[in-house]
């Protein structure tokens, strides 16, 4: 259903940090680069799953939420707000 996302998750490296297995993936870490096709696939999937009828703003926390929020905003013409720590 989401072939680019599934393939990227199946092929991402897993790093052991103490007792925790941590996966390194562009969507969670920004490393390696976020492929535009992956970002598009995620945004399209979210648009299909979410009811955006009454949504006035797409709001995300700074850092890793920005790419997905921006892609959603560009595809839906819904303004995006980024919440930053001060």
PDB file of N, CA and C in Angstrom:
ATOM      1  N   UNK A   1       0.821  -1.191   0.000  1.00  0.00           N
ATOM      2  CA  UNK A   1       0.000   0.000   0.000  1.00  0.00           C
ATOM      3  C   UNK A   1       0.869   1.260   0.000  1.00  0.00           C
ATOM      4  N   UNK A   2       1.917   1.254   0.769  1.00  0.00           N
ATOM      5  CA  UNK A   2       2.873   2.364   0.810  1.00  0.00           C
ATOM      6  C   UNK A   2       4.252   1.788   0.516  1.00  0.00           C
ATOM      7  N   UNK A   3       4.523   1.429  -0.733  1.00  0.00           N
ATOM      8  CA  UNK A   3       5.742   0.673  -1.042  1.00  0.00           C
ATOM      9  C   UNK A   3       7.041   1.399  -0.719  1.00  0.00           C
ATOM     10  N   UNK A   4       7.099   2.694  -0.955  1.00  0.00           N
ATOM     11  CA  UNK A   4       8.345   3.421  -0.670  1.00  0.00           C
ATOM     12  C   UNK A   4       8.595   3.449   0.833  1.00  0.00           C
ATOM     13  N   UNK A   5       7.556   3.737   1.609  1.00  0.00           N
ATOM     14  CA  UNK A   5       7.687   3.774   3.068  1.00  0.00           C
ATOM     15  C   UNK A   5       8.049   2.402   3.617  1.00  0.00           C
ATOM     16  N   UNK A   6       7.332   1.371   3.181  1.00  0.00           N
ATOM     17  CA  UNK A   6       7.599   0.016   3.677  1.00  0.00           C
ATOM     18  C   UNK A   6       9.027  -0.397   3.344  1.00  0.00           C
ATOM     19  N   UNK A   7       9.449  -0.194   2.104  1.00  0.00           N
ATOM     20  CA  UNK A   7      10.804  -0.570   1.703  1.00  0.00           C
ATOM     21  C   UNK A   7      11.856   0.199   2.496  1.00  0.00           C
ATOM     22  N   UNK A   8      11.608   1.493   2.727  1.00  0.00           N
ATOM     23  CA  UNK A   8      12.585   2.292   3.478  1.00  0.00           C
ATOM     24  C   UNK A   8      12.684   1.830   4.929  1.00  0.00           C
ATOM     25  N   UNK A   9      11.568   1.418   5.507  1.00  0.00           N
ATOM     26  CA  UNK A   9      11.598   0.920   6.890  1.00  0.00           C
ATOM     27  C   UNK A   9      12.268  -0.447   6.980  1.00  0.00           C
ATOM     28  N   UNK A  10      12.006  -1.301   5.993  1.00  0.00           N
ATOM     29  CA  UNK A  10      12.622  -2.628   6.004  1.00  0.00           C
ATOM     30  C   UNK A  10      14.130  -2.573   5.778  1.00  0.00           C
ATOM     31  N   UNK A  11      14.594  -1.545   5.091  1.00  0.00           N
ATOM     32  CA  UNK A  11      16.021  -1.474   4.771  1.00  0.00           C
ATOM     33  C   UNK A  11      16.808  -0.508   5.657  1.00  0.00           C
ATOM     34  N   UNK A  12      16.154   0.147   6.604  1.00  0.00           N
ATOM     35  CA  UNK A  12      16.883   1.118   7.430  1.00  0.00           C
ATOM     36  C   UNK A  12      17.749   0.407   8.475  1.00  0.00           C
ATOM     37  N   UNK A  13      18.881   1.009   8.813  1.00  0.00           N
ATOM     38  CA  UNK A  13      19.751   0.400   9.819  1.00  0.00           C
ATOM     39  C   UNK A  13      19.143   0.471  11.218  1.00  0.00           C
ATOM     40  N   UNK A  14      19.480  -0.528  12.014  1.00  0.00           N
ATOM     41  CA  UNK A  14      19.050  -0.561  13.415  1.00  0.00           C
ATOM     42  C   UNK A  14      20.302  -0.486  14.273  1.00  0.00           C
ATOM     43  N   UNK A  15      20.314   0.468  15.191  1.00  0.00           N
ATOM     44  CA  UNK A  15      21.467   0.702  16.056  1.00  0.00           C
ATOM     45  C   UNK A  15      21.068   0.359  17.480  1.00  0.00           C
ATOM     46  N   UNK A  16      21.920  -0.380  18.156  1.00  0.00           N
ATOM     47  CA  UNK A  16      21.666  -0.743  19.558  1.00  0.00           C
ATOM     48  C   UNK A  16      22.171   0.386  20.450  1.00  0.00           C
ATOM     49  N   UNK A  17      21.294   0.951  21.261  1.00  0.00           N
ATOM     50  CA  UNK A  17      21.676   1.980  22.240  1.00  0.00           C
ATOM     51  C   UNK A  17      21.280   1.445  23.610  1.00  0.00           C
ATOM     52  N   UNK A  18      22.258   0.941  24.317  1.00  0.00           N
ATOM     53  CA  UNK A  18      21.956   0.290  25.586  1.00  0.00           C
ATOM     54  C   UNK A  18      21.121  -0.950  25.315  1.00  0.00           C
ATOM     55  N   UNK A  19      19.936  -0.993  25.887  1.00  0.00           N
ATOM     56  CA  UNK A  19      19.046  -2.134  25.673  1.00  0.00           C
ATOM     57  C   UNK A  19      17.980  -1.840  24.630  1.00  0.00           C
ATOM     58  N   UNK A  20      18.075  -0.678  24.005  1.00  0.00           N
ATOM     59  CA  UNK A  20      17.048  -0.234  23.072  1.00  0.00           C
ATOM     60  C   UNK A  20      17.545  -0.362  21.635  1.00  0.00           C
ATOM     61  N   UNK A  21      16.736  -0.955  20.777  1.00  0.00           N
ATOM     62  CA  UNK A  21      17.032  -0.998  19.348  1.00  0.00           C
ATOM     63  C   UNK A  21      16.426   0.242  18.699  1.00  0.00           C
ATOM     64  N   UNK A  22      17.273   1.078  18.132  1.00  0.00           N
ATOM     65  CA  UNK A  22      16.861   2.356  17.559  1.00  0.00           C
ATOM     66  C   UNK A  22      17.018   2.289  16.047  1.00  0.00           C
ATOM     67  N   UNK A  23      15.955   2.588  15.308  1.00  0.00           N
ATOM     68  CA  UNK A  23      16.090   2.565  13.852  1.00  0.00           C
ATOM     69  C   UNK A  23      16.384   3.968  13.325  1.00  0.00           C
ATOM     70  N   UNK A  24      17.281   4.032  12.354  1.00  0.00           N
ATOM     71  CA  UNK A  24      17.696   5.297  11.751  1.00  0.00           C
ATOM     72  C   UNK A  24      16.941   5.435  10.433  1.00  0.00           C
ATOM     73  N   UNK A  25      16.087   6.447  10.357  1.00  0.00           N
ATOM     74  CA  UNK A  25      15.218   6.604   9.189  1.00  0.00           C
ATOM     75  C   UNK A  25      15.042   8.088   8.879  1.00  0.00           C
ATOM     76  N   UNK A  26      14.935   8.453   7.605  1.00  0.00           N
ATOM     77  CA  UNK A  26      14.809   9.869   7.250  1.00  0.00           C
ATOM     78  C   UNK A  26      13.631  10.580   7.914  1.00  0.00           C
ATOM     79  N   UNK A  27      12.515   9.914   8.087  1.00  0.00           N
ATOM     80  CA  UNK A  27      11.341  10.568   8.666  1.00  0.00           C
ATOM     81  C   UNK A  27      11.519  10.804  10.165  1.00  0.00           C
ATOM     82  N   UNK A  28      12.231   9.938  10.841  1.00  0.00           N
ATOM     83  CA  UNK A  28      12.416  10.105  12.283  1.00  0.00           C
ATOM     84  C   UNK A  28      13.686  10.869  12.632  1.00  0.00           C
ATOM     85  N   UNK A  29      14.670  10.849  11.726  1.00  0.00           N
ATOM     86  CA  UNK A  29      15.970  11.435  12.044  1.00  0.00           C
ATOM     87  C   UNK A  29      16.457  12.481  11.053  1.00  0.00           C
ATOM     88  N   UNK A  30      15.900  12.500   9.861  1.00  0.00           N
ATOM     89  CA  UNK A  30      16.408  13.389   8.825  1.00  0.00           C
ATOM     90  C   UNK A  30      17.701  12.889   8.211  1.00  0.00           C
ATOM     91  N   UNK A  31      18.103  11.681   8.577  1.00  0.00           N
ATOM     92  CA  UNK A  31      19.328  11.061   8.064  1.00  0.00           C
ATOM     93  C   UNK A  31      18.965   9.661   7.602  1.00  0.00           C
ATOM     94  N   UNK A  32      19.317   9.209   6.460  1.00  0.00           N
ATOM     95  CA  UNK A  32      19.863  10.019   5.379  1.00  0.00           C
ATOM     96  C   UNK A  32      18.814  10.990   4.845  1.00  0.00           C
ATOM     97  N   UNK A  33      19.105  11.643   3.741  1.00  0.00           N
ATOM     98  CA  UNK A  33      18.184  12.627   3.164  1.00  0.00           C
ATOM     99  C   UNK A  33      16.776  12.058   3.002  1.00  0.00           C
ATOM    100  N   UNK A  34      15.782  12.922   3.137  1.00  0.00           N
ATOM    101  CA  UNK A  34      14.397  12.503   2.935  1.00  0.00           C
ATOM    102  C   UNK A  34      14.105  12.530   1.440  1.00  0.00           C
ATOM    103  N   UNK A  35      13.811  11.377   0.880  1.00  0.00           N
ATOM    104  CA  UNK A  35      13.481  11.264  -0.533  1.00  0.00           C
ATOM    105  C   UNK A  35      12.123  11.925  -0.795  1.00  0.00           C
ATOM    106  N   UNK A  36      12.017  12.772  -1.819  1.00  0.00           N
ATOM    107  CA  UNK A  36      10.743  13.431  -2.103  1.00  0.00           C
ATOM    108  C   UNK A  36       9.597  12.449  -2.343  1.00  0.00           C
ATOM    109  N   UNK A  37       9.901  11.304  -2.959  1.00  0.00           N
ATOM    110  CA  UNK A  37       8.864  10.292  -3.189  1.00  0.00           C
ATOM    111  C   UNK A  37       8.324   9.729  -1.890  1.00  0.00           C
ATOM    112  N   UNK A  38       9.205   9.521  -0.916  1.00  0.00           N
ATOM    113  CA  UNK A  38       8.786   9.038   0.401  1.00  0.00           C
ATOM    114  C   UNK A  38       7.896  10.066   1.082  1.00  0.00           C
ATOM    115  N   UNK A  39       8.317  11.296   1.051  1.00  0.00           N
ATOM    116  CA  UNK A  39       7.543  12.370   1.670  1.00  0.00           C
ATOM    117  C   UNK A  39       6.174  12.508   1.004  1.00  0.00           C
ATOM    118  N   UNK A  40       6.153  12.439  -0.309  1.00  0.00           N
ATOM    119  CA  UNK A  40       4.894  12.527  -1.058  1.00  0.00           C
ATOM    120  C   UNK A  40       3.971  11.361  -0.697  1.00  0.00           C
ATOM    121  N   UNK A  41       4.537  10.157  -0.633  1.00  0.00           N
ATOM    122  CA  UNK A  41       3.733   8.977  -0.311  1.00  0.00           C
ATOM    123  C   UNK A  41       3.116   9.098   1.081  1.00  0.00           C
ATOM    124  N   UNK A  42       3.872   9.585   2.038  1.00  0.00           N
ATOM    125  CA  UNK A  42       3.361   9.772   3.395  1.00  0.00           C
ATOM    126  C   UNK A  42       2.260  10.826   3.411  1.00  0.00           C
ATOM    127  N   UNK A  43       2.496  11.949   2.745  1.00  0.00           N
ATOM    128  CA  UNK A  43       1.497  13.024   2.722  1.00  0.00           C
ATOM    129  C   UNK A  43       0.209  12.573   2.034  1.00  0.00           C
ATOM    130  N   UNK A  44       0.329  11.893   0.905  1.00  0.00           N
ATOM    131  CA  UNK A  44      -0.860  11.399   0.197  1.00  0.00           C
ATOM    132  C   UNK A  44      -1.611  10.399   1.070  1.00  0.00           C
ATOM    133  N   UNK A  45      -0.874   9.521   1.747  1.00  0.00           N
ATOM    134  CA  UNK A  45      -1.511   8.558   2.647  1.00  0.00           C
ATOM    135  C   UNK A  45      -2.272   9.241   3.768  1.00  0.00           C
ATOM    136  N   UNK A  46      -1.684  10.273   4.338  1.00  0.00           N
ATOM    137  CA  UNK A  46      -2.361  11.005   5.411  1.00  0.00           C
ATOM    138  C   UNK A  46      -3.607  11.713   4.891  1.00  0.00           C
ATOM    139  N   UNK A  47      -3.512  12.300   3.705  1.00  0.00           N
ATOM    140  CA  UNK A  47      -4.665  12.991   3.116  1.00  0.00           C
ATOM    141  C   UNK A  47      -5.811  12.013   2.887  1.00  0.00           C
ATOM    142  N   UNK A  48      -5.490  10.801   2.464  1.00  0.00           N
ATOM    143  CA  UNK A  48      -6.526   9.781   2.242  1.00  0.00           C
ATOM    144  C   UNK A  48      -7.164   9.325   3.548  1.00  0.00           C
ATOM    145  N   UNK A  49      -6.385   9.279   4.615  1.00  0.00           N
ATOM    146  CA  UNK A  49      -6.879   8.761   5.897  1.00  0.00           C
ATOM    147  C   UNK A  49      -7.581   9.803   6.757  1.00  0.00           C
ATOM    148  N   UNK A  50      -7.203  11.052   6.623  1.00  0.00           N
ATOM    149  CA  UNK A  50      -7.712  12.098   7.510  1.00  0.00           C
ATOM    150  C   UNK A  50      -8.876  12.854   6.882  1.00  0.00           C
ATOM    151  N   UNK A  51      -9.797  13.282   7.725  1.00  0.00           N
ATOM    152  CA  UNK A  51     -10.862  14.173   7.274  1.00  0.00           C
ATOM    153  C   UNK A  51     -10.373  15.598   7.510  1.00  0.00           C
ATOM    154  N   UNK A  52      -9.980  16.270   6.464  1.00  0.00           N
ATOM    155  CA  UNK A  52      -9.402  17.608   6.572  1.00  0.00           C
ATOM    156  C   UNK A  52     -10.418  18.710   6.270  1.00  0.00           C
ATOM    157  N   UNK A  53     -11.688  18.344   6.196  1.00  0.00           N
ATOM    158  CA  UNK A  53     -12.744  19.276   5.801  1.00  0.00           C
ATOM    159  C   UNK A  53     -12.743  20.565   6.605  1.00  0.00           C
ATOM    160  N   UNK A  54     -12.689  20.464   7.923  1.00  0.00           N
ATOM    161  CA  UNK A  54     -12.778  21.649   8.780  1.00  0.00           C
ATOM    162  C   UNK A  54     -11.430  22.084   9.349  1.00  0.00           C
ATOM    163  N   UNK A  55     -10.344  21.550   8.815  1.00  0.00           N
ATOM    164  CA  UNK A  55      -9.013  21.889   9.320  1.00  0.00           C
ATOM    165  C   UNK A  55      -8.627  23.281   8.830  1.00  0.00           C
ATOM    166  N   UNK A  56      -8.278  24.142   9.779  1.00  0.00           N
ATOM    167  CA  UNK A  56      -7.898  25.520   9.438  1.00  0.00           C
ATOM    168  C   UNK A  56      -6.374  25.679   9.352  1.00  0.00           C
ATOM    169  N   UNK A  57      -5.647  24.897  10.156  1.00  0.00           N
ATOM    170  CA  UNK A  57      -4.185  24.959  10.182  1.00  0.00           C
ATOM    171  C   UNK A  57      -3.613  23.560  10.359  1.00  0.00           C
ATOM    172  N   UNK A  58      -2.465  23.337   9.775  1.00  0.00           N
ATOM    173  CA  UNK A  58      -1.658  22.162  10.073  1.00  0.00           C
ATOM    174  C   UNK A  58      -0.612  22.650  11.061  1.00  0.00           C
ATOM    175  N   UNK A  59      -0.580  22.047  12.243  1.00  0.00           N
ATOM    176  CA  UNK A  59       0.327  22.479  13.305  1.00  0.00           C
ATOM    177  C   UNK A  59       1.314  21.352  13.589  1.00  0.00           C
ATOM    178  N   UNK A  60       2.585  21.705  13.689  1.00  0.00           N
ATOM    179  CA  UNK A  60       3.610  20.716  13.992  1.00  0.00           C
ATOM    180  C   UNK A  60       4.630  21.309  14.951  1.00  0.00           C
ATOM    181  N   UNK A  61       5.294  20.426  15.668  1.00  0.00           N
ATOM    182  CA  UNK A  61       6.415  20.853  16.510  1.00  0.00           C
ATOM    183  C   UNK A  61       7.632  21.055  15.613  1.00  0.00           C
ATOM    184  N   UNK A  62       8.525  21.941  16.037  1.00  0.00           N
ATOM    185  CA  UNK A  62       9.716  22.203  15.230  1.00  0.00           C
ATOM    186  C   UNK A  62      10.537  20.929  15.073  1.00  0.00           C
ATOM    187  N   UNK A  63      11.350  20.933  14.089  1.00  0.00           N
ATOM    188  CA  UNK A  63      12.289  19.878  13.744  1.00  0.00           C
ATOM    189  C   UNK A  63      11.635  18.835  12.852  1.00  0.00           C
ATOM    190  N   UNK A  64      11.502  17.605  13.305  1.00  0.00           N
ATOM    191  CA  UNK A  64      11.166  16.509  12.406  1.00  0.00           C
ATOM    192  C   UNK A  64       9.743  16.527  11.857  1.00  0.00           C
ATOM    193  N   UNK A  65       8.844  17.293  12.443  1.00  0.00           N
ATOM    194  CA  UNK A  65       7.490  17.374  11.901  1.00  0.00           C
ATOM    195  C   UNK A  65       7.369  18.314  10.711  1.00  0.00           C
ATOM    196  N   UNK A  66       8.367  19.154  10.515  1.00  0.00           N
ATOM    197  CA  UNK A  66       8.282  20.191   9.485  1.00  0.00           C
ATOM    198  C   UNK A  66       8.159  19.622   8.066  1.00  0.00           C
ATOM    199  N   UNK A  67       8.951  18.628   7.663  1.00  0.00           N
ATOM    200  CA  UNK A  67       8.819  18.144   6.280  1.00  0.00           C
ATOM    201  C   UNK A  67       7.425  17.602   5.952  1.00  0.00           C
ATOM    202  N   UNK A  68       6.864  16.797   6.835  1.00  0.00           N
ATOM    203  CA  UNK A  68       5.538  16.229   6.566  1.00  0.00           C
ATOM    204  C   UNK A  68       4.477  17.322   6.597  1.00  0.00           C
ATOM    205  N   UNK A  69       4.542  18.210   7.574  1.00  0.00           N
ATOM    206  CA  UNK A  69       3.563  19.296   7.664  1.00  0.00           C
ATOM    207  C   UNK A  69       3.627  20.187   6.428  1.00  0.00           C
ATOM    208  N   UNK A  70       4.822  20.466   5.950  1.00  0.00           N
ATOM    209  CA  UNK A  70       4.984  21.294   4.758  1.00  0.00           C
ATOM    210  C   UNK A  70       4.408  20.598   3.529  1.00  0.00           C
ATOM    211  N   UNK A  71       4.698  19.311   3.380  1.00  0.00           N
ATOM    212  CA  UNK A  71       4.151  18.556   2.249  1.00  0.00           C
ATOM    213  C   UNK A  71       2.625  18.549   2.291  1.00  0.00           C
ATOM    214  N   UNK A  72       2.054  18.330   3.475  1.00  0.00           N
ATOM    215  CA  UNK A  72       0.594  18.359   3.618  1.00  0.00           C
ATOM    216  C   UNK A  72       0.037  19.726   3.257  1.00  0.00           C
ATOM    217  N   UNK A  73       0.688  20.766   3.712  1.00  0.00           N
ATOM    218  CA  UNK A  73       0.241  22.122   3.419  1.00  0.00           C
ATOM    219  C   UNK A  73       0.270  22.401   1.917  1.00  0.00           C
ATOM    220  N   UNK A  74       1.341  22.015   1.254  1.00  0.00           N
ATOM    221  CA  UNK A  74       1.456  22.241  -0.186  1.00  0.00           C
ATOM    222  C   UNK A  74       0.402  21.477  -0.977  1.00  0.00           C
ATOM    223  N   UNK A  75       0.056  20.272  -0.499  1.00  0.00           N
ATOM    224  CA  UNK A  75      -0.909  19.450  -1.225  1.00  0.00           C
ATOM    225  C   UNK A  75      -2.358  19.818  -0.928  1.00  0.00           C
ATOM    226  N   UNK A  76      -2.604  20.462   0.206  1.00  0.00           N
ATOM    227  CA  UNK A  76      -3.983  20.756   0.610  1.00  0.00           C
ATOM    228  C   UNK A  76      -4.311  22.243   0.613  1.00  0.00           C
ATOM    229  N   UNK A  77      -3.306  23.080   0.472  1.00  0.00           N
ATOM    230  CA  UNK A  77      -3.462  24.537   0.586  1.00  0.00           C
ATOM    231  C   UNK A  77      -3.947  24.967   1.968  1.00  0.00           C
ATOM    232  N   UNK A  78      -3.675  24.149   2.979  1.00  0.00           N
ATOM    233  CA  UNK A  78      -3.973  24.504   4.366  1.00  0.00           C
ATOM    234  C   UNK A  78      -2.697  25.116   4.949  1.00  0.00           C
ATOM    235  N   UNK A  79      -2.784  26.305   5.561  1.00  0.00           N
ATOM    236  CA  UNK A  79      -1.585  26.931   6.129  1.00  0.00           C
ATOM    237  C   UNK A  79      -0.950  26.069   7.222  1.00  0.00           C
ATOM    238  N   UNK A  80       0.360  26.167   7.343  1.00  0.00           N
ATOM    239  CA  UNK A  80       1.086  25.406   8.360  1.00  0.00           C
ATOM    240  C   UNK A  80       1.647  26.365   9.408  1.00  0.00           C
ATOM    241  N   UNK A  81       1.553  25.954  10.673  1.00  0.00           N
ATOM    242  CA  UNK A  81       2.161  26.676  11.795  1.00  0.00           C
ATOM    243  C   UNK A  81       3.152  25.746  12.470  1.00  0.00           C
ATOM    244  N   UNK A  82       4.323  26.277  12.774  1.00  0.00           N
ATOM    245  CA  UNK A  82       5.360  25.487  13.435  1.00  0.00           C
ATOM    246  C   UNK A  82       5.506  26.004  14.855  1.00  0.00           C
ATOM    247  N   UNK A  83       5.291  25.116  15.819  1.00  0.00           N
ATOM    248  CA  UNK A  83       5.419  25.459  17.235  1.00  0.00           C
ATOM    249  C   UNK A  83       6.878  25.277  17.626  1.00  0.00           C
ATOM    250  N   UNK A  84       7.470  26.329  18.163  1.00  0.00           N
ATOM    251  CA  UNK A  84       8.884  26.287  18.547  1.00  0.00           C
ATOM    252  C   UNK A  84       9.041  26.458  20.051  1.00  0.00           C
ATOM    253  N   UNK A  85      10.077  25.814  20.575  1.00  0.00           N
ATOM    254  CA  UNK A  85      10.434  26.034  21.978  1.00  0.00           C
ATOM    255  C   UNK A  85      11.130  27.378  22.077  1.00  0.00           C
ATOM    256  N   UNK A  86      10.882  28.079  23.140  1.00  0.00           N
ATOM    257  CA  UNK A  86      11.557  29.370  23.329  1.00  0.00           C
ATOM    258  C   UNK A  86      12.251  29.387  24.664  1.00  0.00           C
TER     259      UNK A  86
END
